[in-house]
Protein backbone atom coordinates (compact mmCIF):
# COMPACT_ATOMS: atom_id res chain seq x y z
CA MET A 1 -13.16 -15.99 -12.67
CA PRO A 2 -12.44 -14.88 -16.27
CA VAL A 3 -9.50 -16.70 -17.83
CA ASP A 4 -7.58 -13.44 -18.32
CA THR A 5 -7.85 -12.45 -14.66
CA PRO A 6 -4.42 -12.47 -12.98
CA PHE A 7 -4.15 -14.06 -9.57
CA LEU A 8 -2.15 -11.06 -8.30
CA SER A 9 -2.07 -7.37 -9.14
CA LEU A 10 0.88 -5.51 -7.64
CA VAL A 11 0.40 -1.73 -7.52
CA ILE A 12 3.41 0.53 -6.92
CA PRO A 13 2.89 4.30 -6.51
CA ALA A 14 5.93 6.22 -7.70
CA HIS A 15 6.65 9.92 -7.21
CA ASN A 16 10.24 10.98 -7.94
CA GLU A 17 11.51 7.43 -7.59
CA GLU A 18 14.17 7.33 -10.32
CA SER A 19 16.83 6.16 -7.86
CA ARG A 20 14.82 3.40 -6.17
CA LEU A 21 12.39 2.16 -8.82
CA PRO A 22 14.85 0.24 -11.05
CA ALA A 23 16.08 -2.02 -8.24
CA THR A 24 12.52 -2.55 -7.03
CA LEU A 25 11.23 -3.59 -10.45
CA GLU A 26 14.20 -5.91 -10.98
CA GLN A 27 13.40 -7.62 -7.67
CA VAL A 28 9.68 -7.81 -8.44
CA PHE A 29 10.09 -9.42 -11.85
CA ALA A 30 12.77 -11.82 -10.61
CA PHE A 31 10.31 -12.88 -7.91
CA LEU A 32 7.33 -13.21 -10.26
CA THR A 33 9.22 -15.43 -12.73
CA LEU A 34 9.50 -18.03 -9.93
CA GLN A 35 5.76 -18.08 -9.14
CA ASN A 36 3.19 -20.50 -10.54
CA TYR A 37 0.46 -17.87 -10.80
CA ALA A 38 -0.29 -15.10 -13.28
CA ALA A 39 0.43 -11.55 -12.14
CA GLU A 40 0.36 -7.98 -13.36
CA VAL A 41 2.38 -5.03 -12.09
CA ILE A 42 1.00 -1.50 -12.21
CA VAL A 43 3.29 1.47 -11.63
CA VAL A 44 1.38 4.70 -11.05
CA GLU A 45 3.72 7.63 -11.67
CA ASN A 46 2.22 10.82 -10.29
CA GLY A 47 3.61 14.31 -10.66
CA SER A 48 7.29 13.35 -10.83
CA THR A 49 9.89 15.90 -11.87
CA ASP A 50 12.64 13.33 -12.49
CA ARG A 51 12.96 10.31 -14.82
CA THR A 52 10.52 8.04 -12.95
CA LEU A 53 8.05 7.86 -15.85
CA GLU A 54 10.77 7.21 -18.42
CA ILE A 55 12.27 4.44 -16.30
CA ALA A 56 8.88 2.78 -15.74
CA GLN A 57 8.06 2.92 -19.45
CA SER A 58 11.45 1.42 -20.30
CA PHE A 59 10.71 -1.55 -18.04
CA ALA A 60 7.23 -1.86 -19.58
CA SER A 61 8.77 -2.19 -23.04
CA ARG A 62 10.61 -5.30 -21.78
CA HIS A 63 7.95 -6.78 -19.49
CA THR A 64 4.47 -7.37 -20.84
CA GLN A 65 3.19 -7.85 -17.28
CA LEU A 66 3.89 -4.19 -16.49
CA LYS A 67 1.40 -1.39 -17.02
CA VAL A 68 2.38 2.23 -16.42
CA ILE A 69 -0.17 4.88 -15.48
CA HIS A 70 0.77 8.55 -15.50
CA THR A 71 -1.08 11.33 -13.73
CA ASP A 72 -0.06 14.91 -13.01
CA GLU A 73 -1.81 14.87 -9.63
CA ARG A 74 0.41 14.29 -6.61
CA GLY A 75 -0.47 12.28 -3.53
CA LYS A 76 0.32 8.69 -2.62
CA GLY A 77 -3.33 8.04 -1.82
CA LEU A 78 -4.43 9.21 -5.25
CA ALA A 79 -1.81 7.07 -6.96
CA VAL A 80 -2.74 3.93 -5.02
CA LYS A 81 -6.45 4.47 -5.63
CA GLN A 82 -5.93 4.87 -9.36
CA GLY A 83 -3.78 1.76 -9.56
CA MET A 84 -6.07 -0.40 -7.46
CA LEU A 85 -9.12 0.57 -9.49
CA ALA A 86 -7.26 -0.22 -12.72
CA ALA A 87 -6.12 -3.60 -11.37
CA ARG A 88 -7.72 -6.85 -12.59
CA GLY A 89 -6.26 -9.37 -10.17
CA ALA A 90 -8.14 -11.65 -7.81
CA PHE A 91 -5.85 -10.23 -5.12
CA ARG A 92 -4.65 -6.62 -5.24
CA PHE A 93 -1.53 -5.70 -3.34
CA PHE A 94 -0.03 -2.24 -3.05
CA ALA A 95 3.57 -1.69 -2.07
CA ASP A 96 5.95 1.18 -1.40
CA ALA A 97 8.36 1.87 -4.24
CA ASP A 98 11.42 1.24 -2.05
CA PHE A 99 10.20 -2.27 -1.07
CA SER A 100 11.45 -1.98 2.49
CA MET A 101 9.93 -5.45 2.98
CA PRO A 102 11.64 -8.35 1.15
CA VAL A 103 9.67 -9.05 -2.01
CA SER A 104 9.56 -12.76 -1.13
CA GLU A 105 7.16 -11.90 1.71
CA ILE A 106 4.34 -11.24 -0.78
CA ASN A 107 3.20 -14.86 -0.82
CA ARG A 108 2.50 -14.72 2.92
CA PHE A 109 -0.39 -12.33 2.12
CA LEU A 110 -2.02 -14.72 -0.37
CA PRO A 111 -3.70 -18.12 -0.47
CA PRO A 112 -2.77 -20.80 0.37
CA ALA A 113 -0.80 -19.13 3.17
CA LEU A 114 -3.87 -17.07 4.19
CA PRO A 115 -6.94 -18.63 2.57
CA ASP A 116 -9.84 -16.74 4.15
CA CYS A 117 -8.81 -13.11 4.68
CA ASP A 118 -10.49 -10.09 3.11
CA ILE A 119 -7.58 -7.71 3.80
CA VAL A 120 -4.05 -8.53 4.95
CA ILE A 121 -1.76 -5.75 6.13
CA ALA A 122 1.94 -5.81 6.93
CA SER A 123 2.85 -4.88 10.47
CA ARG A 124 6.09 -3.79 12.10
CA GLU A 125 4.60 -4.39 15.56
CA THR A 126 2.78 -7.72 15.68
CA PRO A 127 4.57 -10.93 16.76
CA GLY A 128 7.20 -11.99 14.24
CA ALA A 129 7.91 -8.45 13.04
CA VAL A 130 11.49 -7.19 13.03
CA ARG A 131 12.60 -3.59 12.38
CA TYR A 132 16.06 -2.96 11.00
CA ASN A 133 18.04 0.30 11.27
CA GLU A 134 15.13 2.52 12.29
CA PRO A 135 16.11 5.61 14.34
CA PHE A 136 14.55 5.58 17.81
CA ARG A 137 12.97 9.03 17.33
CA ARG A 138 11.10 7.92 14.22
CA HIS A 139 9.99 4.68 15.86
CA LEU A 140 8.69 6.55 18.89
CA SER A 141 6.79 9.10 16.81
CA GLY A 142 5.22 6.28 14.81
CA ARG A 143 4.04 4.50 17.94
CA ILE A 144 2.54 7.71 19.32
CA PHE A 145 0.69 8.32 16.06
CA ASN A 146 -0.56 4.75 15.92
CA ALA A 147 -1.85 5.06 19.49
CA LEU A 148 -3.88 8.05 18.31
CA ILE A 149 -5.17 6.05 15.34
CA ARG A 150 -6.33 3.27 17.66
CA LEU A 151 -7.98 5.77 19.97
CA VAL A 152 -9.82 7.75 17.29
CA VAL A 153 -10.68 5.39 14.44
CA LEU A 154 -9.14 1.90 14.42
CA PRO A 155 -8.94 0.16 17.80
CA GLY A 156 -7.12 -3.15 17.81
CA LEU A 157 -4.71 -2.66 14.89
CA ASP A 158 -1.05 -2.42 15.83
CA ASP A 159 0.36 -0.85 12.66
CA THR A 160 -1.85 0.75 10.02
CA GLN A 161 0.91 2.71 8.27
CA CYS A 162 3.22 0.04 6.93
CA GLY A 163 3.14 0.37 3.15
CA PHE A 164 2.18 -3.17 2.14
CA LYS A 165 -1.49 -4.19 2.02
CA CYS A 166 -3.44 -6.83 0.10
CA PHE A 167 -7.16 -6.84 -0.74
CA ARG A 168 -9.46 -9.38 -2.33
CA ALA A 169 -10.83 -8.01 -5.60
CA ARG A 170 -14.42 -7.65 -4.38
CA VAL A 171 -13.24 -5.80 -1.28
CA ALA A 172 -11.04 -3.40 -3.26
CA GLU A 173 -13.88 -2.70 -5.68
CA GLU A 174 -16.18 -1.72 -2.81
CA ILE A 175 -13.91 0.38 -0.64
CA PHE A 176 -11.49 2.18 -2.99
CA PRO A 177 -14.24 4.16 -4.77
CA ARG A 178 -15.18 5.53 -1.33
CA GLN A 179 -11.65 6.71 -0.54
CA THR A 180 -11.44 10.51 -0.30
CA MET A 181 -7.97 11.20 1.11
CA PRO A 182 -5.17 11.84 -1.40
CA GLY A 183 -2.21 11.84 0.96
CA TRP A 184 -0.51 9.71 3.62
CA SER A 185 -3.68 9.02 5.66
CA PHE A 186 -5.44 7.19 2.85
CA ASP A 187 -4.74 3.71 4.22
CA VAL A 188 -6.21 4.57 7.62
CA GLU A 189 -9.33 5.75 5.80
CA LEU A 190 -9.48 2.56 3.72
CA LEU A 191 -9.20 0.33 6.77
CA TYR A 192 -11.85 2.38 8.57
CA ILE A 193 -14.23 1.97 5.62
CA ALA A 194 -13.46 -1.75 5.49
CA ARG A 195 -14.28 -2.13 9.17
CA ARG A 196 -17.61 -0.34 8.67
CA LYS A 197 -18.41 -2.77 5.85
CA GLY A 198 -17.66 -5.75 8.05
CA TYR A 199 -14.53 -6.97 6.28
CA ARG A 200 -11.91 -8.96 8.17
CA ILE A 201 -8.48 -7.39 8.52
CA LYS A 202 -5.45 -9.47 9.47
CA GLU A 203 -2.02 -8.14 10.42
CA ILE A 204 1.11 -10.18 9.79
CA GLY A 205 4.51 -9.33 11.20
CA ILE A 206 7.21 -8.73 8.61
CA PRO A 207 10.93 -7.97 8.46
CA TRP A 208 11.12 -4.25 7.65
CA TYR A 209 14.19 -2.21 6.71
CA PHE A 210 14.22 1.52 7.40
CA ASN A 211 15.09 3.61 4.35
CA PRO A 212 16.74 6.94 5.20
CA GLU A 213 15.35 8.36 1.94
CA THR A 214 11.78 8.16 3.24
CA LYS A 215 9.53 10.92 1.94
CA VAL A 216 7.48 11.21 5.14
CA SER A 217 8.20 14.39 7.11
CA LEU A 218 8.24 13.58 10.81
CA VAL A 219 6.58 16.84 11.89
CA ARG A 220 4.63 18.20 8.94
CA ASP A 221 3.07 14.94 7.79
CA SER A 222 2.36 13.71 11.32
CA LEU A 223 0.36 16.84 12.08
CA ARG A 224 -1.54 16.56 8.81
CA MET A 225 -2.32 12.90 9.39
CA ALA A 226 -3.54 13.61 12.93
CA SER A 227 -5.97 16.15 11.51
CA ASP A 228 -7.09 13.60 8.91
CA LEU A 229 -8.17 11.16 11.63
CA PHE A 230 -10.85 13.55 12.80
CA ALA A 231 -11.80 14.25 9.17
CA ILE A 232 -12.44 10.52 8.76
CA ARG A 233 -14.86 10.62 11.68
CA ARG A 234 -16.61 13.65 10.17
CA ASN A 235 -16.84 11.95 6.78
CA ALA A 236 -18.46 8.93 8.40
CA ARG A 237 -21.06 11.09 10.15
CA ARG A 238 -21.85 12.74 6.82
CA GLY A 239 -22.44 9.35 5.21
CA LEU A 240 -19.55 9.53 2.73
CA TYR A 241 -18.59 5.91 3.36
CA ASP A 242 -22.07 4.38 3.13
């Protein structure tokens, strides 16, 4: 491993996150100062109409570990892909900008806690997981959608949509270039590609706090993501993931 390779790259997609990003970055850097490994943080600001870019750049001027990428294109999937392909870490972790999982949980995704995993994903459903303050209607709709995911593309995974996932560098470098979906379904696509390539995926239960400011539309985005599941199957038949 080159001497300038960080142990961890933390990628945070950020679209119109001026209200949530400052607290998240404060937590992240407070956490990283306590670790005995080198890390980089990459904020990918995409298509914001508020002060997200300005806030991220202000933090970067005070933290040499922080890199800010700006793109005019919207889509969480696009932002994550760009950040993960720009990352240099031995382990590459992407996280929602609101950090609805305590930042201290990050080390549970990494060696020595998990020494042999290719991909580790946070789960709100596996043993040990706890959900806080989530409305029943949203929980129910999420479980229905995940049942469809298991039926159509990813049997055996309890929660593919939680926004915290960690990849070994070699795995990220193989599967992210094959990602085609720009929106909310991108992580289902990534895990599907990873399965086809034979990579091991482990779910770990986390404490997760519902944020009422979530940007996911219960109806509109659920319908779009359901359609994307069948697009993933079509893409596979066309050889796009080979």
